[in-house]
Protein backbone atom coordinates (compact mmCIF):
# COMPACT_ATOMS: atom_id res chain seq x y z
CA MET A 1 -26.36 -11.33 6.10
CA THR A 2 -24.09 -9.09 4.03
CA THR A 3 -20.41 -10.00 3.80
CA ARG A 4 -17.36 -8.48 2.18
CA THR A 5 -13.74 -9.40 1.60
CA THR A 6 -11.03 -6.76 1.89
CA GLN A 7 -7.56 -7.32 0.51
CA THR A 8 -4.35 -5.87 1.90
CA VAL A 9 -0.65 -6.59 1.58
CA ALA A 10 1.57 -7.52 4.53
CA ARG A 11 5.28 -6.75 4.04
CA PHE A 12 7.87 -8.79 5.94
CA SER A 13 11.53 -7.77 5.81
CA SER A 14 12.63 -11.00 7.55
CA PRO A 15 11.45 -14.61 7.44
CA PHE A 16 8.45 -15.22 9.70
CA LEU A 17 6.55 -18.11 11.22
CA LEU A 18 2.85 -18.10 12.11
CA PRO A 19 1.21 -20.69 14.38
CA GLY A 20 0.18 -23.72 12.36
CA PHE A 21 2.84 -23.22 9.68
CA ASP A 22 5.24 -26.11 9.10
CA ALA A 23 8.17 -23.87 8.21
CA PRO A 24 9.13 -20.20 8.22
CA GLN A 25 8.07 -18.17 5.20
CA PRO A 26 10.64 -16.01 3.42
CA ALA A 27 10.64 -12.23 3.58
CA GLY A 28 8.41 -10.54 1.03
CA ASP A 29 4.98 -9.11 0.36
CA TYR A 30 1.98 -11.34 1.07
CA ARG A 31 -1.62 -10.83 0.04
CA ILE A 32 -4.07 -10.95 2.96
CA ASP A 33 -7.83 -11.43 2.58
CA GLN A 34 -10.13 -10.55 5.47
CA ASP A 35 -13.76 -11.66 5.43
CA GLU A 36 -16.18 -9.45 7.34
CA GLU A 37 -19.90 -9.49 8.00
CA LEU A 38 -22.18 -6.50 8.43
CA ILE A 39 -23.73 -5.99 11.85
CA GLU A 40 -26.10 -3.33 13.12
CA VAL A 41 -25.29 -1.76 16.46
CA PHE A 42 -27.68 0.87 17.82
CA SER A 43 -28.80 2.02 14.38
CA ARG A 44 -25.22 2.12 13.10
CA LEU A 45 -23.50 -0.19 10.69
CA ALA A 46 -20.26 -1.93 11.56
CA TRP A 47 -18.16 -4.74 10.12
CA ARG A 48 -17.00 -7.70 12.18
CA ARG A 49 -14.05 -9.78 10.99
CA VAL A 50 -15.02 -13.43 10.66
CA GLY A 51 -11.96 -14.82 8.91
CA ALA A 52 -8.52 -13.99 7.58
CA PHE A 53 -6.35 -15.74 5.02
CA ILE A 54 -2.79 -15.36 3.77
CA HIS A 55 -1.84 -16.24 0.21
CA LEU A 56 1.31 -18.32 -0.12
CA PRO A 57 3.89 -17.96 -1.53
CA ALA A 58 4.86 -14.27 -1.47
CA ILE A 59 3.61 -12.06 -4.31
CA SER A 60 7.06 -11.91 -5.95
CA ALA A 61 7.72 -15.67 -5.72
CA THR A 62 7.58 -17.69 -8.89
CA GLY A 63 5.88 -21.03 -9.08
CA SER A 64 2.63 -22.56 -10.09
CA THR A 65 1.48 -23.77 -6.67
CA GLN A 66 -0.41 -21.24 -4.61
CA GLN A 67 -2.49 -21.70 -1.51
CA MET A 68 -4.74 -19.61 0.70
CA VAL A 69 -4.19 -20.46 4.37
CA PRO A 70 -6.49 -19.41 7.23
CA ILE A 71 -4.73 -17.36 9.90
CA ASN A 72 -5.54 -15.64 13.17
CA PRO A 73 -5.38 -11.87 12.57
CA ALA A 74 -3.84 -11.34 16.03
CA ASP A 75 -1.00 -13.72 15.13
CA LEU A 76 -0.41 -11.82 11.90
CA ASP A 77 -0.35 -8.49 13.76
CA ALA A 78 2.14 -9.90 16.29
CA ALA A 79 4.41 -11.22 13.51
CA LEU A 80 4.34 -7.86 11.74
CA GLU A 81 5.23 -6.04 14.98
CA LYS A 82 8.09 -8.46 15.61
CA ASP A 83 9.32 -7.87 12.05
CA LYS A 84 9.55 -4.11 12.70
CA GLN A 85 11.89 -4.54 15.66
CA PRO A 86 15.64 -4.22 15.01
């Protein structure tokens, strides 16, 4: 089965907390990796998301320790929507 990883950046203007995190993360830009697998549907090609990961800390943060944490894409979308509200 063919797979691909797409990378995007999520921008938070306020600290945020995702389920499973021990503490809120500071505002900033965060790299997001989404793993997808190719599926065929009625002679068409489509990609299905099979995993998503956030890279911690934020892109602009200094430090030698970095980690890639699995996340639920729906939780990330909800946190980004919440961040947009005044």
